[in-house]
């Protein structure tokens, strides 16, 4: 099984909204990608609490049976469709995929 973790740092303002509004919109939008491909398991989106030491604003933690399932998720039209919004509100991104 693969675990896919992505973290985003958001711009202070973008798309006519502040960081908090865009964090919520990103969370809601990402959650539409839950269970869109076979082999997709756990899927969780969190919004950072802006505590000391926190460096990212939104996180996605999701599990896939294998690399093919993760690839199918990455290429799914629903996932592809959100990339323009993400690019417009994000100033930084980090990702890690590892075997569980």
N, C-alpha and C. Protein backbone atom coordinates (compact mmCIF):
# COMPACT_ATOMS: atom_id res chain seq x y z
N UNK A 1 0.85 -1.18 0.00
CA UNK A 1 0.00 0.00 0.00
C UNK A 1 0.89 1.24 0.00
N UNK A 2 0.45 2.26 -0.71
CA UNK A 2 1.17 3.53 -0.75
C UNK A 2 0.40 4.60 0.01
N UNK A 3 1.12 5.38 0.76
CA UNK A 3 0.53 6.56 1.40
C UNK A 3 1.03 7.78 0.63
N UNK A 4 0.10 8.66 0.30
CA UNK A 4 0.36 9.87 -0.49
C UNK A 4 0.03 11.06 0.40
N UNK A 5 1.04 11.87 0.70
CA UNK A 5 0.83 13.04 1.55
C UNK A 5 1.26 14.28 0.76
N UNK A 6 0.36 15.24 0.70
CA UNK A 6 0.64 16.51 0.02
C UNK A 6 0.30 17.63 0.99
N UNK A 7 1.20 18.62 1.08
CA UNK A 7 0.96 19.79 1.93
C UNK A 7 1.09 21.05 1.08
N UNK A 8 0.19 21.98 1.31
CA UNK A 8 0.19 23.23 0.57
C UNK A 8 0.32 24.42 1.51
N UNK A 9 1.11 25.39 1.11
CA UNK A 9 1.18 26.70 1.76
C UNK A 9 0.42 27.64 0.84
N UNK A 10 -0.57 28.31 1.39
CA UNK A 10 -1.43 29.17 0.57
C UNK A 10 -0.96 30.62 0.59
N UNK A 11 -1.30 31.32 -0.49
CA UNK A 11 -1.06 32.76 -0.57
C UNK A 11 -1.98 33.46 0.44
N UNK A 12 -1.56 34.61 0.92
CA UNK A 12 -2.38 35.36 1.88
C UNK A 12 -3.74 35.73 1.28
N UNK A 13 -3.74 36.10 0.00
CA UNK A 13 -4.99 36.37 -0.72
C UNK A 13 -4.83 35.85 -2.15
N UNK A 14 -5.92 35.35 -2.69
CA UNK A 14 -5.95 34.88 -4.08
C UNK A 14 -7.40 34.61 -4.45
N UNK A 15 -7.72 34.76 -5.71
CA UNK A 15 -9.06 34.48 -6.20
C UNK A 15 -10.13 35.30 -5.44
N UNK A 16 -9.75 36.49 -4.99
CA UNK A 16 -10.70 37.35 -4.28
C UNK A 16 -11.04 36.89 -2.88
N UNK A 17 -10.22 36.01 -2.31
CA UNK A 17 -10.50 35.48 -0.97
C UNK A 17 -9.22 35.47 -0.14
N UNK A 18 -9.38 35.41 1.19
CA UNK A 18 -8.21 35.33 2.05
C UNK A 18 -7.79 33.87 2.22
N UNK A 19 -6.67 33.68 2.91
CA UNK A 19 -6.10 32.35 3.09
C UNK A 19 -7.08 31.38 3.74
N UNK A 20 -7.78 31.82 4.77
CA UNK A 20 -8.72 30.93 5.47
C UNK A 20 -9.85 30.48 4.56
N UNK A 21 -10.37 31.40 3.77
CA UNK A 21 -11.46 31.04 2.84
C UNK A 21 -10.96 30.07 1.77
N UNK A 22 -9.75 30.32 1.26
CA UNK A 22 -9.21 29.44 0.23
C UNK A 22 -8.83 28.07 0.80
N UNK A 23 -8.40 28.03 2.06
CA UNK A 23 -8.11 26.75 2.70
C UNK A 23 -9.38 25.91 2.78
N UNK A 24 -10.47 26.52 3.18
CA UNK A 24 -11.73 25.79 3.27
C UNK A 24 -12.21 25.35 1.88
N UNK A 25 -12.06 26.22 0.90
CA UNK A 25 -12.47 25.86 -0.47
C UNK A 25 -11.61 24.72 -1.00
N UNK A 26 -10.30 24.77 -0.73
CA UNK A 26 -9.41 23.70 -1.17
C UNK A 26 -9.80 22.39 -0.51
N UNK A 27 -10.06 22.42 0.79
CA UNK A 27 -10.48 21.21 1.51
C UNK A 27 -11.76 20.63 0.90
N UNK A 28 -12.75 21.47 0.71
CA UNK A 28 -14.03 21.02 0.15
C UNK A 28 -13.84 20.45 -1.25
N UNK A 29 -13.03 21.12 -2.05
CA UNK A 29 -12.78 20.67 -3.42
C UNK A 29 -12.03 19.34 -3.44
N UNK A 30 -11.00 19.24 -2.62
CA UNK A 30 -10.24 17.98 -2.56
C UNK A 30 -11.12 16.82 -2.12
N UNK A 31 -12.02 17.08 -1.19
CA UNK A 31 -12.87 16.00 -0.68
C UNK A 31 -13.80 15.43 -1.75
N UNK A 32 -14.00 16.14 -2.86
CA UNK A 32 -14.78 15.58 -3.97
C UNK A 32 -14.01 14.49 -4.69
N UNK A 33 -12.73 14.36 -4.38
CA UNK A 33 -11.89 13.33 -5.00
C UNK A 33 -11.81 12.05 -4.18
N UNK A 34 -12.58 11.98 -3.12
CA UNK A 34 -12.62 10.78 -2.27
C UNK A 34 -13.29 9.65 -3.06
N UNK A 35 -12.69 8.48 -3.04
CA UNK A 35 -13.27 7.27 -3.65
C UNK A 35 -13.57 7.41 -5.13
N UNK A 36 -12.70 8.08 -5.88
CA UNK A 36 -12.95 8.25 -7.31
C UNK A 36 -12.29 7.17 -8.16
N UNK A 37 -11.37 6.39 -7.57
CA UNK A 37 -10.74 5.30 -8.33
C UNK A 37 -10.70 4.04 -7.47
N UNK A 38 -10.66 2.91 -8.17
CA UNK A 38 -10.48 1.64 -7.44
C UNK A 38 -9.10 1.61 -6.83
N UNK A 39 -9.00 1.05 -5.66
CA UNK A 39 -7.72 0.95 -4.98
C UNK A 39 -7.40 2.15 -4.11
N UNK A 40 -8.33 3.10 -4.00
CA UNK A 40 -8.15 4.26 -3.15
C UNK A 40 -8.79 3.94 -1.80
N UNK A 41 -8.04 4.17 -0.75
CA UNK A 41 -8.55 3.87 0.59
C UNK A 41 -8.73 5.13 1.41
N UNK A 42 -8.06 5.17 2.55
CA UNK A 42 -8.15 6.32 3.46
C UNK A 42 -7.91 7.61 2.69
N UNK A 43 -8.72 8.63 2.99
CA UNK A 43 -8.61 9.93 2.31
C UNK A 43 -9.01 11.00 3.31
N UNK A 44 -8.05 11.82 3.69
CA UNK A 44 -8.30 12.82 4.73
C UNK A 44 -7.67 14.15 4.33
N UNK A 45 -8.43 15.22 4.47
CA UNK A 45 -7.93 16.56 4.19
C UNK A 45 -8.05 17.38 5.47
N UNK A 46 -6.96 18.03 5.86
CA UNK A 46 -6.98 18.84 7.07
C UNK A 46 -6.51 20.26 6.80
N UNK A 47 -7.03 21.17 7.60
CA UNK A 47 -6.61 22.56 7.55
C UNK A 47 -5.75 22.83 8.78
N UNK A 48 -4.57 23.37 8.56
CA UNK A 48 -3.65 23.67 9.65
C UNK A 48 -4.23 24.67 10.63
N UNK A 49 -3.82 24.57 11.87
CA UNK A 49 -4.33 25.42 12.94
C UNK A 49 -3.49 26.66 13.19
N UNK A 50 -2.51 26.92 12.33
CA UNK A 50 -1.69 28.12 12.44
C UNK A 50 -1.02 28.23 13.81
N UNK A 51 -0.53 27.11 14.31
CA UNK A 51 0.18 27.08 15.58
C UNK A 51 1.66 27.35 15.35
N UNK A 52 2.39 27.75 16.39
CA UNK A 52 3.84 27.96 16.23
C UNK A 52 4.50 26.71 15.66
N UNK A 53 5.33 26.90 14.67
CA UNK A 53 6.02 25.78 14.05
C UNK A 53 5.30 25.20 12.85
N UNK A 54 4.04 25.55 12.66
CA UNK A 54 3.32 25.07 11.48
C UNK A 54 3.80 25.85 10.26
N UNK A 55 4.08 25.13 9.18
CA UNK A 55 4.61 25.78 7.99
C UNK A 55 3.71 25.61 6.77
N UNK A 56 2.68 24.77 6.87
CA UNK A 56 1.77 24.55 5.75
C UNK A 56 0.34 24.75 6.22
N UNK A 57 -0.55 25.01 5.27
CA UNK A 57 -1.92 25.39 5.59
C UNK A 57 -2.94 24.28 5.38
N UNK A 58 -2.72 23.43 4.40
CA UNK A 58 -3.66 22.35 4.08
C UNK A 58 -2.85 21.09 3.83
N UNK A 59 -3.39 19.95 4.27
CA UNK A 59 -2.71 18.68 4.06
C UNK A 59 -3.71 17.64 3.55
N UNK A 60 -3.22 16.80 2.65
CA UNK A 60 -3.97 15.64 2.16
C UNK A 60 -3.19 14.40 2.53
N UNK A 61 -3.85 13.44 3.18
CA UNK A 61 -3.26 12.14 3.48
C UNK A 61 -4.19 11.11 2.87
N UNK A 62 -3.66 10.32 1.93
CA UNK A 62 -4.51 9.32 1.27
C UNK A 62 -3.70 8.06 1.00
N UNK A 63 -4.42 6.94 0.95
CA UNK A 63 -3.79 5.63 0.74
C UNK A 63 -4.30 4.99 -0.54
N UNK A 64 -3.41 4.26 -1.19
CA UNK A 64 -3.71 3.58 -2.46
C UNK A 64 -3.13 2.18 -2.40
N UNK A 65 -3.84 1.24 -3.01
CA UNK A 65 -3.39 -0.14 -2.99
C UNK A 65 -2.00 -0.31 -3.62
N UNK A 66 -1.74 0.48 -4.66
CA UNK A 66 -0.47 0.36 -5.37
C UNK A 66 -0.23 1.61 -6.22
N UNK A 67 0.91 1.62 -6.91
CA UNK A 67 1.27 2.78 -7.73
C UNK A 67 0.27 3.00 -8.86
N UNK A 68 -0.30 1.93 -9.39
CA UNK A 68 -1.28 2.08 -10.47
C UNK A 68 -2.53 2.82 -9.98
N UNK A 69 -2.97 2.54 -8.77
CA UNK A 69 -4.14 3.23 -8.22
C UNK A 69 -3.83 4.70 -7.99
N UNK A 70 -2.64 5.01 -7.47
CA UNK A 70 -2.24 6.40 -7.28
C UNK A 70 -2.16 7.12 -8.62
N UNK A 71 -1.61 6.47 -9.62
CA UNK A 71 -1.53 7.06 -10.96
C UNK A 71 -2.92 7.32 -11.52
N UNK A 72 -3.83 6.38 -11.31
CA UNK A 72 -5.21 6.56 -11.79
C UNK A 72 -5.86 7.76 -11.11
N UNK A 73 -5.59 7.93 -9.82
CA UNK A 73 -6.10 9.10 -9.09
C UNK A 73 -5.53 10.39 -9.68
N UNK A 74 -4.22 10.41 -9.90
CA UNK A 74 -3.57 11.61 -10.42
C UNK A 74 -4.15 12.02 -11.78
N UNK A 75 -4.52 11.04 -12.59
CA UNK A 75 -5.00 11.29 -13.95
C UNK A 75 -6.53 11.41 -14.05
N UNK A 76 -7.24 11.14 -12.96
CA UNK A 76 -8.70 11.17 -13.00
C UNK A 76 -9.17 12.60 -13.34
N UNK A 77 -10.16 12.73 -14.22
CA UNK A 77 -10.65 14.05 -14.62
C UNK A 77 -11.07 14.95 -13.45
N UNK A 78 -11.64 14.37 -12.42
CA UNK A 78 -12.07 15.17 -11.27
C UNK A 78 -10.85 15.78 -10.56
N UNK A 79 -9.77 15.01 -10.46
CA UNK A 79 -8.54 15.50 -9.84
C UNK A 79 -7.87 16.54 -10.74
N UNK A 80 -7.78 16.25 -12.01
CA UNK A 80 -7.16 17.17 -12.97
C UNK A 80 -7.89 18.51 -12.98
N UNK A 81 -9.21 18.48 -12.85
CA UNK A 81 -10.03 19.69 -12.93
C UNK A 81 -9.75 20.69 -11.80
N UNK A 82 -9.23 20.24 -10.68
CA UNK A 82 -8.99 21.17 -9.56
C UNK A 82 -7.60 21.80 -9.61
N UNK A 83 -6.76 21.35 -10.51
CA UNK A 83 -5.37 21.83 -10.53
C UNK A 83 -5.25 23.32 -10.81
N UNK A 84 -6.11 23.88 -11.64
CA UNK A 84 -6.02 25.32 -11.93
C UNK A 84 -6.31 26.14 -10.67
N UNK A 85 -7.35 25.75 -9.92
CA UNK A 85 -7.64 26.45 -8.68
C UNK A 85 -6.47 26.34 -7.71
N UNK A 86 -5.96 25.13 -7.55
CA UNK A 86 -4.84 24.91 -6.63
C UNK A 86 -3.66 25.81 -7.02
N UNK A 87 -3.31 25.81 -8.29
CA UNK A 87 -2.18 26.62 -8.75
C UNK A 87 -2.39 28.10 -8.47
N UNK A 88 -3.62 28.56 -8.50
CA UNK A 88 -3.89 29.98 -8.31
C UNK A 88 -3.83 30.42 -6.85
N UNK A 89 -3.99 29.51 -5.91
CA UNK A 89 -4.02 29.90 -4.49
C UNK A 89 -2.80 29.44 -3.70
N UNK A 90 -1.96 28.61 -4.30
CA UNK A 90 -0.84 28.00 -3.59
C UNK A 90 0.46 28.72 -3.90
N UNK A 91 1.26 28.93 -2.84
CA UNK A 91 2.60 29.48 -3.05
C UNK A 91 3.69 28.44 -2.82
N UNK A 92 3.33 27.31 -2.22
CA UNK A 92 4.31 26.26 -2.00
C UNK A 92 3.61 24.92 -1.81
N UNK A 93 4.31 23.85 -2.22
CA UNK A 93 3.75 22.49 -2.13
C UNK A 93 4.87 21.51 -1.83
N UNK A 94 4.56 20.53 -1.00
CA UNK A 94 5.46 19.43 -0.73
C UNK A 94 4.68 18.13 -0.83
N UNK A 95 5.32 17.09 -1.29
CA UNK A 95 4.65 15.81 -1.46
C UNK A 95 5.60 14.68 -1.11
N UNK A 96 5.05 13.62 -0.52
CA UNK A 96 5.82 12.40 -0.29
C UNK A 96 4.89 11.21 -0.48
N UNK A 97 5.40 10.18 -1.14
CA UNK A 97 4.70 8.92 -1.31
C UNK A 97 5.60 7.83 -0.76
N UNK A 98 5.05 6.96 0.08
CA UNK A 98 5.86 5.90 0.67
C UNK A 98 5.02 4.66 0.92
N UNK A 99 5.70 3.52 1.01
CA UNK A 99 5.02 2.26 1.28
C UNK A 99 4.69 2.15 2.75
N UNK A 100 3.47 1.66 3.00
CA UNK A 100 3.00 1.47 4.36
C UNK A 100 3.00 -0.02 4.67
